[in-house]
Amino acid sequence: MIKLTLPDNSVREIEAAQSAAEIIKGIGMGLYKAACCVKINGEVKDLRTVIDSDCQFEVCTFDSIDGKKTFWHTGSHILAQAVKRLYPSAKLAIGPAIENGFYYDFDLEKPFTSEELEKIEAEMKKIVKEDIPVEQFELAPEEALKLLNDMEEPYKVELCEEHAGKGEPISFYKQDDFTDLCAGPHLMSTGAVKAFKLLSCTGAYWRG
């Protein structure tokens, strides 16, 4: 039996390894629908994580800081997917969650206009409505670099090269036609991002 110690110090047992998502479903579907990520022994992981040994197990909803960051991080990927659908030549830089939301840096010939932001937001709403599963996969460093070069994403290649020397697998997240170099965590599908609003667009220099 695998023992999961919950925040209230109660212990839940499972007979065999399961994903965090399946464990939470066993606790209650209401909690599963609200869950954004989990903490395993204090480390933030997404719901795809397989639990195969005794651990401290905490579910993070949007009410928590880590839950908000996971929600917003997935929002940034939805933004990037929308931009790539509408502007295929746009190059991806980084798109993290921040204190009150998220952003994504793109390399374009000119900044987006307010009308274009409305168009992008409408495309994001389509992606949410499509409820696309968000999948995580890993590649060996050389395979990861080949993929990013084939995708013609120079900024992602630069980021990948910085990690490739460690010899560790490189993490990606995929949702339908969109793939991004990313360590996560992320929500289980685009449909889980129920509300967002694009507020502004500003110019920036890569790592400037």
C-alpha atoms as a PDB file:
ATOM      1  CA  MET A   1       0.000   0.000   0.000  1.00  0.00           C
ATOM      2  CA  ILE A   2       1.101   3.557  -0.735  1.00  0.00           C
ATOM      3  CA  LYS A   3       0.371   6.039   2.046  1.00  0.00           C
ATOM      4  CA  LEU A   4      -0.524   9.654   1.298  1.00  0.00           C
ATOM      5  CA  THR A   5      -0.370  12.065   4.217  1.00  0.00           C
ATOM      6  CA  LEU A   6      -2.828  14.914   3.679  1.00  0.00           C
ATOM      7  CA  PRO A   7      -2.484  18.478   5.070  1.00  0.00           C
ATOM      8  CA  ASP A   8      -4.715  17.639   8.059  1.00  0.00           C
ATOM      9  CA  ASN A   9      -2.333  14.727   8.870  1.00  0.00           C
ATOM     10  CA  SER A  10      -4.919  12.129   7.897  1.00  0.00           C
ATOM     11  CA  VAL A  11      -3.575   9.255   5.791  1.00  0.00           C
ATOM     12  CA  ARG A  12      -5.101   7.963   2.576  1.00  0.00           C
ATOM     13  CA  GLU A  13      -3.906   4.650   1.161  1.00  0.00           C
ATOM     14  CA  ILE A  14      -3.832   3.477  -2.452  1.00  0.00           C
ATOM     15  CA  GLU A  15      -3.033  -0.058  -3.551  1.00  0.00           C
ATOM     16  CA  ALA A  16      -0.864   0.801  -6.560  1.00  0.00           C
ATOM     17  CA  ALA A  17       0.726   3.752  -8.327  1.00  0.00           C
ATOM     18  CA  GLN A  18      -1.794   6.277  -9.647  1.00  0.00           C
ATOM     19  CA  SER A  19      -1.707   9.733 -11.169  1.00  0.00           C
ATOM     20  CA  ALA A  20      -2.475  12.617  -8.848  1.00  0.00           C
ATOM     21  CA  ALA A  21      -5.588  13.242 -10.948  1.00  0.00           C
ATOM     22  CA  GLU A  22      -6.953   9.742 -10.296  1.00  0.00           C
ATOM     23  CA  ILE A  23      -6.200  10.011  -6.584  1.00  0.00           C
ATOM     24  CA  ILE A  24      -8.077  13.312  -6.339  1.00  0.00           C
ATOM     25  CA  LYS A  25     -11.041  11.867  -8.254  1.00  0.00           C
ATOM     26  CA  GLY A  26     -11.136   9.143  -5.607  1.00  0.00           C
ATOM     27  CA  ILE A  27     -11.354  11.793  -2.899  1.00  0.00           C
ATOM     28  CA  GLY A  28     -14.160  13.643  -4.683  1.00  0.00           C
ATOM     29  CA  MET A  29     -15.075  14.930  -8.141  1.00  0.00           C
ATOM     30  CA  GLY A  30     -15.781  18.387  -6.748  1.00  0.00           C
ATOM     31  CA  LEU A  31     -12.205  18.631  -5.517  1.00  0.00           C
ATOM     32  CA  TYR A  32     -10.897  17.270  -8.826  1.00  0.00           C
ATOM     33  CA  LYS A  33     -12.764  19.923 -10.824  1.00  0.00           C
ATOM     34  CA  ALA A  34     -11.280  22.629  -8.593  1.00  0.00           C
ATOM     35  CA  ALA A  35      -7.738  21.202  -8.530  1.00  0.00           C
ATOM     36  CA  CYS A  36      -5.026  23.054 -10.462  1.00  0.00           C
ATOM     37  CA  CYS A  37      -1.916  21.209  -9.267  1.00  0.00           C
ATOM     38  CA  VAL A  38      -0.566  19.260  -6.301  1.00  0.00           C
ATOM     39  CA  LYS A  39       2.322  19.486  -3.879  1.00  0.00           C
ATOM     40  CA  ILE A  40       4.247  16.251  -3.420  1.00  0.00           C
ATOM     41  CA  ASN A  41       6.532  16.484  -0.393  1.00  0.00           C
ATOM     42  CA  GLY A  42       6.305  20.259  -0.781  1.00  0.00           C
ATOM     43  CA  GLU A  43       7.234  20.286  -4.488  1.00  0.00           C
ATOM     44  CA  VAL A  44       4.663  21.628  -6.960  1.00  0.00           C
ATOM     45  CA  LYS A  45       3.651  19.083  -9.610  1.00  0.00           C
ATOM     46  CA  ASP A  46       0.818  18.866 -12.081  1.00  0.00           C
ATOM     47  CA  LEU A  47      -2.045  16.396 -11.922  1.00  0.00           C
ATOM     48  CA  ARG A  48      -0.404  14.027 -14.425  1.00  0.00           C
ATOM     49  CA  THR A  49       2.285  13.138 -11.889  1.00  0.00           C
ATOM     50  CA  VAL A  50       2.290   9.458 -10.952  1.00  0.00           C
ATOM     51  CA  ILE A  51       2.450   8.772  -7.221  1.00  0.00           C
ATOM     52  CA  ASP A  52       4.323   5.525  -6.582  1.00  0.00           C
ATOM     53  CA  SER A  53       5.647   5.912  -3.027  1.00  0.00           C
ATOM     54  CA  ASP A  54       4.631   7.277   0.371  1.00  0.00           C
ATOM     55  CA  CYS A  55       4.482  11.077   0.377  1.00  0.00           C
ATOM     56  CA  GLN A  56       2.977  14.270   1.716  1.00  0.00           C
ATOM     57  CA  PHE A  57       0.076  15.015  -0.652  1.00  0.00           C
ATOM     58  CA  GLU A  58      -1.614  18.413  -0.959  1.00  0.00           C
ATOM     59  CA  VAL A  59      -4.169  19.511  -3.559  1.00  0.00           C
ATOM     60  CA  CYS A  60      -3.827  23.121  -4.752  1.00  0.00           C
ATOM     61  CA  THR A  61      -6.891  24.955  -6.066  1.00  0.00           C
ATOM     62  CA  PHE A  62      -7.101  28.449  -7.543  1.00  0.00           C
ATOM     63  CA  ASP A  63      -7.429  29.753  -3.989  1.00  0.00           C
ATOM     64  CA  SER A  64      -3.735  28.962  -3.433  1.00  0.00           C
ATOM     65  CA  ILE A  65      -0.736  30.799  -4.886  1.00  0.00           C
ATOM     66  CA  ASP A  66       0.544  27.659  -6.622  1.00  0.00           C
ATOM     67  CA  GLY A  67      -2.900  26.914  -8.028  1.00  0.00           C
ATOM     68  CA  LYS A  68      -3.162  30.423  -9.457  1.00  0.00           C
ATOM     69  CA  LYS A  69       0.301  30.166 -11.033  1.00  0.00           C
ATOM     70  CA  THR A  70      -0.590  26.860 -12.703  1.00  0.00           C
ATOM     71  CA  PHE A  71      -3.871  28.302 -14.007  1.00  0.00           C
ATOM     72  CA  TRP A  72      -2.159  31.414 -15.365  1.00  0.00           C
ATOM     73  CA  HIS A  73       0.716  29.410 -16.843  1.00  0.00           C
ATOM     74  CA  THR A  74      -1.765  27.401 -18.890  1.00  0.00           C
ATOM     75  CA  GLY A  75      -3.359  30.703 -19.875  1.00  0.00           C
ATOM     76  CA  SER A  76      -0.019  31.842 -21.291  1.00  0.00           C
ATOM     77  CA  HIS A  77       0.177  28.702 -23.452  1.00  0.00           C
ATOM     78  CA  ILE A  78      -3.349  29.322 -24.730  1.00  0.00           C
ATOM     79  CA  LEU A  79      -2.245  32.855 -25.629  1.00  0.00           C
ATOM     80  CA  ALA A  80       0.808  31.519 -27.473  1.00  0.00           C
ATOM     81  CA  GLN A  81      -1.268  28.930 -29.329  1.00  0.00           C
ATOM     82  CA  ALA A  82      -3.743  31.614 -30.399  1.00  0.00           C
ATOM     83  CA  VAL A  83      -0.943  33.868 -31.651  1.00  0.00           C
ATOM     84  CA  LYS A  84       0.689  31.029 -33.606  1.00  0.00           C
ATOM     85  CA  ARG A  85      -2.651  30.171 -35.210  1.00  0.00           C
ATOM     86  CA  LEU A  86      -3.213  33.762 -36.299  1.00  0.00           C
ATOM     87  CA  TYR A  87       0.404  34.793 -36.930  1.00  0.00           C
ATOM     88  CA  PRO A  88       2.367  31.626 -37.823  1.00  0.00           C
ATOM     89  CA  SER A  89       5.610  33.549 -38.384  1.00  0.00           C
ATOM     90  CA  ALA A  90       5.672  34.820 -34.773  1.00  0.00           C
ATOM     91  CA  LYS A  91       8.617  33.469 -32.784  1.00  0.00           C
ATOM     92  CA  LEU A  92       8.093  32.324 -29.200  1.00  0.00           C
ATOM     93  CA  ALA A  93      10.257  33.552 -26.333  1.00  0.00           C
ATOM     94  CA  ILE A  94       8.977  32.976 -22.779  1.00  0.00           C
ATOM     95  CA  GLY A  95       5.520  32.973 -21.206  1.00  0.00           C
ATOM     96  CA  PRO A  96       5.495  32.666 -17.418  1.00  0.00           C
ATOM     97  CA  ALA A  97       2.848  33.194 -14.792  1.00  0.00           C
ATOM     98  CA  ILE A  98       3.396  36.399 -12.820  1.00  0.00           C
ATOM     99  CA  GLU A  99       1.914  37.880  -9.659  1.00  0.00           C
ATOM    100  CA  ASN A 100      -1.447  38.871 -11.120  1.00  0.00           C
ATOM    101  CA  GLY A 101      -1.719  36.877 -14.329  1.00  0.00           C
ATOM    102  CA  PHE A 102       0.588  35.967 -17.185  1.00  0.00           C
ATOM    103  CA  TYR A 103       2.368  37.235 -20.277  1.00  0.00           C
ATOM    104  CA  TYR A 104       4.113  35.829 -23.323  1.00  0.00           C
ATOM    105  CA  ASP A 105       6.949  37.412 -25.294  1.00  0.00           C
ATOM    106  CA  PHE A 106       6.786  37.147 -29.083  1.00  0.00           C
ATOM    107  CA  ASP A 107       9.176  38.258 -31.799  1.00  0.00           C
ATOM    108  CA  LEU A 108       7.138  40.087 -34.436  1.00  0.00           C
ATOM    109  CA  GLU A 109       7.794  42.819 -36.956  1.00  0.00           C
ATOM    110  CA  LYS A 110       5.557  45.199 -35.000  1.00  0.00           C
ATOM    111  CA  PRO A 111       3.589  45.192 -31.716  1.00  0.00           C
ATOM    112  CA  PHE A 112      -0.017  44.057 -31.702  1.00  0.00           C
ATOM    113  CA  THR A 113      -2.667  46.750 -32.059  1.00  0.00           C
ATOM    114  CA  SER A 114      -5.695  46.915 -29.759  1.00  0.00           C
ATOM    115  CA  GLU A 115      -7.785  45.447 -32.585  1.00  0.00           C
ATOM    116  CA  GLU A 116      -5.350  42.549 -32.943  1.00  0.00           C
ATOM    117  CA  LEU A 117      -5.477  41.913 -29.188  1.00  0.00           C
ATOM    118  CA  GLU A 118      -9.248  41.540 -29.476  1.00  0.00           C
ATOM    119  CA  LYS A 119      -8.746  39.083 -32.329  1.00  0.00           C
ATOM    120  CA  ILE A 120      -6.223  37.088 -30.283  1.00  0.00           C
ATOM    121  CA  GLU A 121      -8.516  37.033 -27.265  1.00  0.00           C
ATOM    122  CA  ALA A 122     -11.358  35.719 -29.432  1.00  0.00           C
ATOM    123  CA  GLU A 123      -9.074  32.938 -30.696  1.00  0.00           C
ATOM    124  CA  MET A 124      -8.107  32.109 -27.106  1.00  0.00           C
ATOM    125  CA  LYS A 125     -11.786  31.704 -26.251  1.00  0.00           C
ATOM    126  CA  LYS A 126     -12.117  29.267 -29.160  1.00  0.00           C
ATOM    127  CA  ILE A 127      -9.190  27.232 -27.822  1.00  0.00           C
ATOM    128  CA  VAL A 128     -10.765  27.131 -24.357  1.00  0.00           C
ATOM    129  CA  LYS A 129     -14.084  26.032 -25.856  1.00  0.00           C
ATOM    130  CA  GLU A 130     -12.291  23.250 -27.765  1.00  0.00           C
ATOM    131  CA  ASP A 131     -11.218  21.841 -24.366  1.00  0.00           C
ATOM    132  CA  ILE A 132      -7.950  20.505 -25.779  1.00  0.00           C
ATOM    133  CA  PRO A 133      -6.079  17.999 -23.577  1.00  0.00           C
ATOM    134  CA  VAL A 134      -2.714  19.345 -22.402  1.00  0.00           C
ATOM    135  CA  GLU A 135      -0.062  16.624 -22.649  1.00  0.00           C
ATOM    136  CA  GLN A 136       3.455  16.515 -21.229  1.00  0.00           C
ATOM    137  CA  PHE A 137       6.354  14.640 -22.815  1.00  0.00           C
ATOM    138  CA  GLU A 138      10.136  14.543 -22.524  1.00  0.00           C
ATOM    139  CA  LEU A 139      12.931  14.246 -25.069  1.00  0.00           C
ATOM    140  CA  ALA A 140      16.649  13.647 -24.832  1.00  0.00           C
ATOM    141  CA  PRO A 141      18.563  16.948 -25.235  1.00  0.00           C
ATOM    142  CA  GLU A 142      19.663  16.267 -28.812  1.00  0.00           C
ATOM    143  CA  GLU A 143      16.116  15.294 -29.827  1.00  0.00           C
ATOM    144  CA  ALA A 144      14.713  18.382 -28.109  1.00  0.00           C
ATOM    145  CA  LEU A 145      17.117  20.660 -29.972  1.00  0.00           C
ATOM    146  CA  LYS A 146      16.250  19.008 -33.281  1.00  0.00           C
ATOM    147  CA  LEU A 147      12.533  19.482 -32.637  1.00  0.00           C
ATOM    148  CA  LEU A 148      12.939  23.165 -31.772  1.00  0.00           C
ATOM    149  CA  ASN A 149      15.182  23.776 -34.778  1.00  0.00           C
ATOM    150  CA  ASP A 150      12.634  22.045 -37.009  1.00  0.00           C
ATOM    151  CA  MET A 151       9.970  24.300 -35.483  1.00  0.00           C
ATOM    152  CA  GLU A 152      12.175  27.318 -36.326  1.00  0.00           C
ATOM    153  CA  GLU A 153      12.007  28.683 -32.784  1.00  0.00           C
ATOM    154  CA  PRO A 154      15.459  30.264 -32.182  1.00  0.00           C
ATOM    155  CA  TYR A 155      14.703  31.622 -28.708  1.00  0.00           C
ATOM    156  CA  LYS A 156      13.521  28.208 -27.554  1.00  0.00           C
ATOM    157  CA  VAL A 157      16.674  26.662 -29.041  1.00  0.00           C
ATOM    158  CA  GLU A 158      18.767  29.081 -26.980  1.00  0.00           C
ATOM    159  CA  LEU A 159      16.875  28.201 -23.800  1.00  0.00           C
ATOM    160  CA  CYS A 160      17.135  24.487 -24.530  1.00  0.00           C
ATOM    161  CA  GLU A 161      20.886  24.704 -25.151  1.00  0.00           C
ATOM    162  CA  GLU A 162      21.336  26.139 -21.656  1.00  0.00           C
ATOM    163  CA  HIS A 163      19.801  22.997 -20.146  1.00  0.00           C
ATOM    164  CA  ALA A 164      21.052  20.435 -22.658  1.00  0.00           C
ATOM    165  CA  GLY A 165      24.511  20.314 -21.097  1.00  0.00           C
ATOM    166  CA  LYS A 166      23.076  18.759 -17.952  1.00  0.00           C
ATOM    167  CA  GLY A 167      22.187  15.646 -19.950  1.00  0.00           C
ATOM    168  CA  GLU A 168      18.729  15.494 -18.389  1.00  0.00           C
ATOM    169  CA  PRO A 169      15.494  14.961 -20.356  1.00  0.00           C
ATOM    170  CA  ILE A 170      13.906  18.160 -21.679  1.00  0.00           C
ATOM    171  CA  SER A 171      10.238  18.732 -20.858  1.00  0.00           C
ATOM    172  CA  PHE A 172       7.611  19.867 -23.358  1.00  0.00           C
ATOM    173  CA  TYR A 173       3.876  20.477 -23.191  1.00  0.00           C
ATOM    174  CA  LYS A 174       1.573  19.942 -26.158  1.00  0.00           C
ATOM    175  CA  GLN A 175      -2.018  20.936 -26.881  1.00  0.00           C
ATOM    176  CA  ASP A 176      -3.209  19.894 -30.332  1.00  0.00           C
ATOM    177  CA  ASP A 177      -1.125  21.760 -32.945  1.00  0.00           C
ATOM    178  CA  PHE A 178       0.871  23.726 -30.359  1.00  0.00           C
ATOM    179  CA  THR A 179       4.027  22.460 -28.644  1.00  0.00           C
ATOM    180  CA  ASP A 180       6.184  24.430 -26.215  1.00  0.00           C
ATOM    181  CA  LEU A 181       9.403  23.907 -24.305  1.00  0.00           C
ATOM    182  CA  CYS A 182       8.185  23.998 -20.714  1.00  0.00           C
ATOM    183  CA  ALA A 183       8.777  22.493 -17.268  1.00  0.00           C
ATOM    184  CA  GLY A 184       5.144  23.027 -16.201  1.00  0.00           C
ATOM    185  CA  PRO A 185       3.030  22.509 -14.241  1.00  0.00           C
ATOM    186  CA  HIS A 186      -0.152  22.913 -16.302  1.00  0.00           C
ATOM    187  CA  LEU A 187      -3.859  22.238 -16.055  1.00  0.00           C
ATOM    188  CA  MET A 188      -5.218  19.073 -17.647  1.00  0.00           C
ATOM    189  CA  SER A 189      -6.962  20.802 -20.562  1.00  0.00           C
ATOM    190  CA  THR A 190      -7.517  24.218 -22.105  1.00  0.00           C
ATOM    191  CA  GLY A 191     -11.175  24.056 -21.091  1.00  0.00           C
ATOM    192  CA  ALA A 192     -10.187  24.456 -17.442  1.00  0.00           C
ATOM    193  CA  VAL A 193      -9.223  28.105 -18.059  1.00  0.00           C
ATOM    194  CA  LYS A 194     -12.634  29.663 -17.576  1.00  0.00           C
ATOM    195  CA  ALA A 195     -11.791  33.367 -17.411  1.00  0.00           C
ATOM    196  CA  PHE A 196      -9.054  35.673 -18.715  1.00  0.00           C
ATOM    197  CA  LYS A 197      -8.597  39.112 -20.252  1.00  0.00           C
ATOM    198  CA  LEU A 198      -5.783  40.510 -22.400  1.00  0.00           C
ATOM    199  CA  LEU A 199      -4.987  43.941 -21.011  1.00  0.00           C
ATOM    200  CA  SER A 200      -1.993  45.346 -22.856  1.00  0.00           C
ATOM    201  CA  CYS A 201       0.870  44.888 -25.283  1.00  0.00           C
ATOM    202  CA  THR A 202       4.328  46.411 -24.816  1.00  0.00           C
ATOM    203  CA  GLY A 203       7.689  46.236 -26.557  1.00  0.00           C
ATOM    204  CA  ALA A 204      10.655  44.423 -25.024  1.00  0.00           C
ATOM    205  CA  TYR A 205      14.182  43.253 -25.794  1.00  0.00           C
ATOM    206  CA  TRP A 206      15.112  39.572 -25.541  1.00  0.00           C
ATOM    207  CA  ARG A 207      16.691  39.311 -22.116  1.00  0.00           C
ATOM    208  CA  GLY A 208      17.103  43.074 -22.158  1.00  0.00           C
END
